[in-house]
Amino acid sequence: MKEINILIDLLKTGRMIGVISHVSELKAAMPSILHVEKSKEGYSKTSIIVK
């Protein structure tokens, strides 16, 4: 995907970017992910995944 390469180029320049995506190829290309998961009780649990 051309868009992924553009985002990776931006990351290499030291810029911080945020992407909200359900596209697995895009998520796999990101070096770190803030994962937000909603519980049944209505609360959210967050975790940072660094690859």
C-alpha atoms as a PDB file:
ATOM      1  CA  MET A   1       0.000   0.000   0.000  1.00  0.00           C
ATOM      2  CA  LYS A   2       1.384   3.365  -1.035  1.00  0.00           C
ATOM      3  CA  GLU A   3      -0.223   5.083   1.960  1.00  0.00           C
ATOM      4  CA  ILE A   4       1.706   2.897   4.413  1.00  0.00           C
ATOM      5  CA  ASN A   5       5.006   3.906   2.805  1.00  0.00           C
ATOM      6  CA  ILE A   6       4.080   7.589   3.147  1.00  0.00           C
ATOM      7  CA  LEU A   7       3.329   7.129   6.852  1.00  0.00           C
ATOM      8  CA  ILE A   8       6.581   5.223   7.392  1.00  0.00           C
ATOM      9  CA  ASP A   9       8.515   8.024   5.671  1.00  0.00           C
ATOM     10  CA  LEU A  10       6.903  10.531   8.042  1.00  0.00           C
ATOM     11  CA  LEU A  11       7.897   8.406  11.038  1.00  0.00           C
ATOM     12  CA  LYS A  12      11.508   8.315   9.823  1.00  0.00           C
ATOM     13  CA  THR A  13      11.644  12.123   9.922  1.00  0.00           C
ATOM     14  CA  GLY A  14      10.923  12.015  13.644  1.00  0.00           C
ATOM     15  CA  ARG A  15       7.335  13.153  13.363  1.00  0.00           C
ATOM     16  CA  MET A  16       4.700  11.641  15.569  1.00  0.00           C
ATOM     17  CA  ILE A  17       1.607  10.446  13.763  1.00  0.00           C
ATOM     18  CA  GLY A  18      -1.636   8.905  14.906  1.00  0.00           C
ATOM     19  CA  VAL A  19      -3.724   6.522  12.845  1.00  0.00           C
ATOM     20  CA  ILE A  20      -7.103   5.066  13.701  1.00  0.00           C
ATOM     21  CA  SER A  21      -7.470   1.917  11.634  1.00  0.00           C
ATOM     22  CA  HIS A  22      -8.991  -1.530  11.448  1.00  0.00           C
ATOM     23  CA  VAL A  23      -6.808  -2.375   8.422  1.00  0.00           C
ATOM     24  CA  SER A  24      -4.481  -5.171   9.540  1.00  0.00           C
ATOM     25  CA  GLU A  25      -1.729  -4.291   7.018  1.00  0.00           C
ATOM     26  CA  LEU A  26      -1.599  -0.755   8.360  1.00  0.00           C
ATOM     27  CA  LYS A  27      -1.534  -1.888  11.987  1.00  0.00           C
ATOM     28  CA  ALA A  28       1.243  -4.379  11.208  1.00  0.00           C
ATOM     29  CA  ALA A  29       3.412  -1.631   9.684  1.00  0.00           C
ATOM     30  CA  MET A  30       3.279   0.674  12.721  1.00  0.00           C
ATOM     31  CA  PRO A  31       6.166   0.357  15.234  1.00  0.00           C
ATOM     32  CA  SER A  32       3.906   0.946  18.244  1.00  0.00           C
ATOM     33  CA  ILE A  33       0.193   0.758  18.862  1.00  0.00           C
ATOM     34  CA  LEU A  34      -2.110   2.242  21.484  1.00  0.00           C
ATOM     35  CA  HIS A  35      -4.755  -0.451  21.833  1.00  0.00           C
ATOM     36  CA  VAL A  36      -8.101   0.566  23.385  1.00  0.00           C
ATOM     37  CA  GLU A  37     -10.526  -2.151  24.397  1.00  0.00           C
ATOM     38  CA  LYS A  38     -14.016  -1.537  25.793  1.00  0.00           C
ATOM     39  CA  SER A  39     -15.123  -3.779  28.632  1.00  0.00           C
ATOM     40  CA  LYS A  40     -18.640  -5.146  29.062  1.00  0.00           C
ATOM     41  CA  GLU A  41     -19.077  -2.815  32.033  1.00  0.00           C
ATOM     42  CA  GLY A  42     -18.510   0.237  29.800  1.00  0.00           C
ATOM     43  CA  TYR A  43     -14.963   1.027  30.887  1.00  0.00           C
ATOM     44  CA  SER A  44     -12.003   1.202  28.520  1.00  0.00           C
ATOM     45  CA  LYS A  45      -8.674  -0.555  28.988  1.00  0.00           C
ATOM     46  CA  THR A  46      -5.637   0.788  27.156  1.00  0.00           C
ATOM     47  CA  SER A  47      -2.265  -0.774  26.458  1.00  0.00           C
ATOM     48  CA  ILE A  48       0.744   0.289  24.415  1.00  0.00           C
ATOM     49  CA  ILE A  49       2.278  -2.362  22.188  1.00  0.00           C
ATOM     50  CA  VAL A  50       5.832  -1.669  21.026  1.00  0.00           C
ATOM     51  CA  LYS A  51       7.174  -3.929  18.314  1.00  0.00           C
END
